[in-house]
Amino acid sequence: MRYPASEKLEIIRLVEQSHLQVKKTLAQLGIPKTTFYRWYDRYQAFGEAGLEDRRPHPGRVWNRIPDDVRDQVVELALDEPDLSPRELAVRFTDTKRHYISEASAYRILKERDLITGLSIGIQT
């Protein structure tokens, strides 16, 4: 259960003012010790603002293709516009010695608006 910052502060004050041991007070409140001390550490370091919920967000995506490599894929696609994303991925891997999947090549081209639609090779 998530507690708003105001309730966390109230719990901290209750524990501080309680005549019981911290462990017993937390047991009566149903708050795990680790949770309380995490709140308490943040409260001591940052004040009431430290008790606000922090939304998790990744600092960096571990498998994101670097921007310079993405630019090289686009450059190759512009130099050889007749290549499909599959052929582009193979050519890039062969010439630049950096593996790019067909799906990655397609997504890179799609985000730069270099692929507008699928052409189906059906002859009539």
Protein backbone atom coordinates (compact mmCIF):
# COMPACT_ATOMS: atom_id res chain seq x y z
CA MET A 1 0.00 0.00 0.00
CA ARG A 2 1.27 3.43 -0.92
CA TYR A 3 1.05 6.17 1.64
CA PRO A 4 0.87 9.86 0.79
CA ALA A 5 3.67 12.06 2.11
CA SER A 6 1.42 13.49 4.81
CA GLU A 7 0.70 10.03 6.25
CA LYS A 8 4.37 9.09 6.12
CA LEU A 9 5.22 12.21 8.08
CA GLU A 10 2.49 11.44 10.61
CA ILE A 11 3.84 7.90 11.05
CA ILE A 12 7.38 9.24 11.54
CA ARG A 13 6.13 11.65 14.21
CA LEU A 14 4.11 8.90 15.92
CA VAL A 15 7.16 6.67 16.11
CA GLU A 16 9.35 9.51 17.38
CA GLN A 17 6.88 10.45 20.11
CA SER A 18 5.91 6.93 21.13
CA HIS A 19 6.97 5.67 24.55
CA LEU A 20 7.21 2.15 23.06
CA GLN A 21 10.19 0.74 21.22
CA VAL A 22 10.34 1.53 17.50
CA LYS A 23 9.87 -2.14 16.62
CA LYS A 24 6.68 -2.45 18.72
CA THR A 25 5.24 0.84 17.47
CA LEU A 26 5.81 -0.17 13.85
CA ALA A 27 4.31 -3.61 14.50
CA GLN A 28 1.14 -1.97 15.87
CA LEU A 29 0.97 0.31 12.84
CA GLY A 30 1.66 -2.55 10.43
CA ILE A 31 4.65 -0.81 8.86
CA PRO A 32 7.77 -2.88 8.06
CA LYS A 33 10.96 -1.59 9.71
CA THR A 34 12.80 -1.36 6.40
CA THR A 35 10.03 0.78 4.93
CA PHE A 36 9.97 3.08 7.95
CA TYR A 37 13.74 3.57 7.98
CA ARG A 38 13.78 4.24 4.24
CA TRP A 39 11.17 6.96 4.79
CA TYR A 40 13.03 8.27 7.83
CA ASP A 41 16.36 8.47 5.98
CA ARG A 42 14.75 10.38 3.12
CA TYR A 43 12.97 12.66 5.59
CA GLN A 44 16.22 13.46 7.37
CA ALA A 45 18.05 14.08 4.10
CA PHE A 46 15.40 16.03 2.16
CA GLY A 47 12.72 17.05 4.64
CA GLU A 48 9.06 16.59 3.79
CA ALA A 49 9.82 16.69 0.06
CA GLY A 50 11.78 13.45 0.47
CA LEU A 51 8.58 11.66 1.47
CA GLU A 52 6.85 12.32 -1.85
CA ASP A 53 6.47 9.32 -4.14
CA ARG A 54 9.19 9.08 -6.72
CA ARG A 55 8.15 7.55 -9.99
CA PRO A 56 10.62 4.98 -11.28
CA HIS A 57 12.24 5.83 -14.57
CA PRO A 58 15.16 4.24 -16.31
CA GLY A 59 18.26 6.35 -16.50
CA ARG A 60 19.37 4.69 -19.68
CA VAL A 61 17.99 1.85 -21.74
CA TRP A 62 20.67 -0.82 -21.83
CA ASN A 63 20.04 -2.04 -25.36
CA ARG A 64 19.32 1.23 -27.17
CA ILE A 65 21.21 1.67 -30.41
CA PRO A 66 23.53 4.69 -29.98
CA ASP A 67 22.54 7.83 -31.89
CA ASP A 68 25.73 7.87 -33.96
CA VAL A 69 25.03 4.31 -35.16
CA ARG A 70 21.42 5.27 -35.93
CA ASP A 71 22.72 8.20 -37.98
CA GLN A 72 25.04 5.86 -39.88
CA VAL A 73 22.09 3.57 -40.70
CA VAL A 74 20.13 6.54 -42.05
CA GLU A 75 23.14 7.73 -44.03
CA LEU A 76 23.53 4.30 -45.63
CA ALA A 77 19.80 4.20 -46.40
CA LEU A 78 20.00 7.59 -48.09
CA ASP A 79 23.09 6.54 -50.07
CA GLU A 80 21.37 3.35 -51.24
CA PRO A 81 17.62 4.03 -51.35
CA ASP A 82 16.77 0.81 -53.19
CA LEU A 83 17.69 -1.40 -50.23
CA SER A 84 14.92 -2.95 -48.15
CA PRO A 85 15.30 -2.83 -44.35
CA ARG A 86 16.54 -6.43 -44.45
CA GLU A 87 19.13 -5.69 -47.11
CA LEU A 88 20.09 -2.49 -45.32
CA ALA A 89 20.64 -4.38 -42.06
CA VAL A 90 22.84 -6.97 -43.80
CA ARG A 91 24.83 -4.33 -45.68
CA PHE A 92 25.30 -2.26 -42.53
CA THR A 93 26.45 -5.28 -40.53
CA ASP A 94 28.88 -6.27 -43.28
CA THR A 95 30.37 -2.84 -43.92
CA LYS A 96 30.27 -1.19 -40.50
CA ARG A 97 30.94 -4.30 -38.38
CA HIS A 98 28.04 -3.38 -36.09
CA TYR A 99 25.04 -5.72 -35.96
CA ILE A 100 21.67 -4.16 -36.67
CA SER A 101 18.59 -6.36 -36.95
CA GLU A 102 16.10 -5.99 -39.77
CA ALA A 103 13.49 -4.81 -37.27
CA SER A 104 15.86 -2.18 -35.87
CA ALA A 105 16.70 -0.94 -39.35
CA TYR A 106 12.98 -0.71 -40.13
CA ARG A 107 12.22 1.21 -36.90
CA ILE A 108 15.10 3.64 -37.48
CA LEU A 109 13.91 4.36 -41.02
CA LYS A 110 10.28 4.60 -39.91
CA GLU A 111 11.02 7.13 -37.16
CA ARG A 112 12.87 9.32 -39.71
CA ASP A 113 9.92 9.03 -42.14
CA LEU A 114 12.03 7.22 -44.69
CA ILE A 115 9.47 4.41 -44.93
CA THR A 116 6.00 5.61 -45.77
CA GLY A 117 4.24 2.34 -46.40
CA LEU A 118 4.75 -1.25 -47.35
CA SER A 119 5.03 -2.14 -50.98
CA ILE A 120 3.94 -5.64 -51.82
CA GLY A 121 5.72 -7.23 -54.72
CA ILE A 122 2.68 -8.79 -56.40
CA GLN A 123 2.73 -8.80 -60.16
CA THR A 124 -0.48 -8.98 -62.13
